Structures are given as structure tokens and as C-alpha cells.
């Protein structure tokens, strides 16, 4: 164990930020930070589990450091929506923003 979480690869840090919101559970500017596979609870706002499960493939892609325009990678991050299309997220790896 290192840094309080399992020593699994990849361990890139990821930031998930709400960039547009029409949902009562989250607000624009809310952020969730991942350290490897774990949510950094001290730095993160609340997140809807439905949204988290819907954007999971993009968080994993960001953790691996992959940048694919086919997966909506643009301007240094992924832009994705929750399954209900109420919340838009920007997802960065290694906290470049």
C-alpha cells in the first residue's frame, strides 16, 4: 500500500468537473478528484452515483493517459454527459487544469 490506496496501475490523478448542470444534486464547478482508483474524499464534492457510473469509461481512459478524439477528447480533456443528459463533465488526467 502506498499513499493510502492500493498500488495499482495506472495511478494518474484525475479531475472530474461539472461544467454544465440542470440537476438538483450537483452544481456547476463541483469537482471530484481521483488518486488512482480511489476518490479523494478530502478534496472532492459530492457526486451522483448514476453520473459516476455513466462517465466511468472516460475516467478510466483518463487514468491510463489516453487521448482519443473518438471518445470526445478535446482541448486537453474529455467532455461527457451523465446518462440523463443533465450534467456535463470535463475530465482531466494528471490535473493539467
Protein backbone atom coordinates (compact mmCIF):
# COMPACT_ATOMS: atom_id res chain seq x y z
CA UNK A 1 0.00 0.00 0.00
CA UNK A 2 1.22 3.49 -0.80
CA UNK A 3 -0.33 6.93 -0.36
CA UNK A 4 -3.39 5.43 1.31
CA UNK A 5 -4.68 3.39 -1.64
CA UNK A 6 -3.82 0.16 -3.43
CA UNK A 7 -0.69 0.35 -5.53
CA UNK A 8 -2.47 -0.43 -8.81
CA UNK A 9 -1.56 0.81 -12.26
CA UNK A 10 -2.26 3.30 -13.58
CA UNK A 11 -2.08 5.82 -10.77
CA UNK A 12 -2.64 9.04 -12.71
CA UNK A 13 -4.66 11.63 -10.85
CA UNK A 14 -7.93 12.62 -12.49
CA UNK A 15 -10.14 15.67 -12.01
CA UNK A 16 -13.83 15.49 -12.92
CA UNK A 17 -15.50 18.92 -13.02
CA UNK A 18 -19.15 19.82 -13.57
CA UNK A 19 -19.17 22.33 -16.44
CA UNK A 20 -22.94 22.49 -17.08
CA UNK A 21 -25.73 21.41 -14.76
CA UNK A 22 -29.50 21.18 -14.81
CA UNK A 23 -29.63 18.70 -11.91
CA UNK A 24 -30.59 19.35 -8.28
CA UNK A 25 -27.90 17.02 -6.91
CA UNK A 26 -24.82 18.74 -8.31
CA UNK A 27 -23.82 22.27 -9.30
CA UNK A 28 -21.55 23.85 -11.88
CA UNK A 29 -17.99 23.94 -10.56
CA UNK A 30 -18.32 20.83 -8.38
CA UNK A 31 -15.21 18.63 -8.67
CA UNK A 32 -14.28 15.05 -7.88
CA UNK A 33 -10.62 14.08 -7.66
CA UNK A 34 -9.32 10.56 -8.16
CA UNK A 35 -5.98 9.27 -6.90
CA UNK A 36 -5.53 6.12 -8.90
CA UNK A 37 -8.69 4.09 -8.35
CA UNK A 38 -9.84 5.98 -5.23
CA UNK A 39 -11.93 9.14 -4.78
CA UNK A 40 -10.01 11.76 -2.82
CA UNK A 41 -12.78 12.44 -0.29
CA UNK A 42 -10.99 15.37 1.33
CA UNK A 43 -10.80 17.37 -1.92
CA UNK A 44 -13.96 16.18 -3.66
CA UNK A 45 -17.52 17.44 -3.71
CA UNK A 46 -20.46 15.03 -3.69
CA UNK A 47 -21.18 13.15 -6.90
CA UNK A 48 -24.28 11.35 -8.11
CA UNK A 49 -23.59 7.62 -8.38
CA UNK A 50 -25.69 7.38 -11.57
CA UNK A 51 -23.49 10.04 -13.18
CA UNK A 52 -20.30 8.44 -11.87
CA UNK A 53 -21.22 5.06 -13.35
CA UNK A 54 -22.13 6.71 -16.67
CA UNK A 55 -18.81 8.55 -17.02
CA UNK A 56 -16.68 5.70 -15.64
CA UNK A 57 -15.24 4.66 -19.05
CA UNK A 58 -13.87 8.18 -19.56
CA UNK A 59 -12.38 8.36 -16.06
CA UNK A 60 -10.60 5.07 -16.73
CA UNK A 61 -9.37 6.33 -20.11
CA UNK A 62 -8.04 9.47 -18.42
CA UNK A 63 -6.33 7.37 -15.73
CA UNK A 64 -4.49 5.50 -18.47
CA UNK A 65 -3.49 8.79 -20.10
CA UNK A 66 -5.23 8.02 -23.41
CA UNK A 67 -6.39 10.92 -25.57
CA UNK A 68 -8.94 9.90 -28.21
CA UNK A 69 -10.98 12.32 -30.29
CA UNK A 70 -13.32 9.35 -30.94
CA UNK A 71 -14.14 9.48 -27.22
CA UNK A 72 -14.71 13.28 -27.21
CA UNK A 73 -11.18 14.30 -26.11
CA UNK A 74 -10.73 17.98 -26.98
CA UNK A 75 -8.85 20.97 -25.55
CA UNK A 76 -6.94 18.80 -23.07
CA UNK A 77 -9.91 16.96 -21.55
CA UNK A 78 -12.87 14.69 -22.15
CA UNK A 79 -16.30 16.32 -22.35
CA UNK A 80 -19.05 13.88 -21.38
CA UNK A 81 -22.63 13.95 -20.08
CA UNK A 82 -24.34 11.96 -17.36
CA UNK A 83 -26.80 9.29 -18.60
CA UNK A 84 -29.75 11.66 -18.07
CA UNK A 85 -28.01 14.43 -20.08
CA UNK A 86 -28.49 16.87 -17.19
CA UNK A 87 -24.84 17.30 -16.22
CA UNK A 88 -21.80 17.87 -18.44
CA UNK A 89 -18.39 16.93 -17.06
CA UNK A 90 -14.84 17.79 -18.09
CA UNK A 91 -12.33 15.08 -17.20
CA UNK A 92 -8.58 15.79 -16.98
CA UNK A 93 -5.74 13.41 -16.18
CA UNK A 94 -2.72 14.38 -14.07
CA UNK A 95 -4.61 17.53 -13.09
CA UNK A 96 -3.41 19.56 -16.04
CA UNK A 97 -6.16 22.09 -15.26
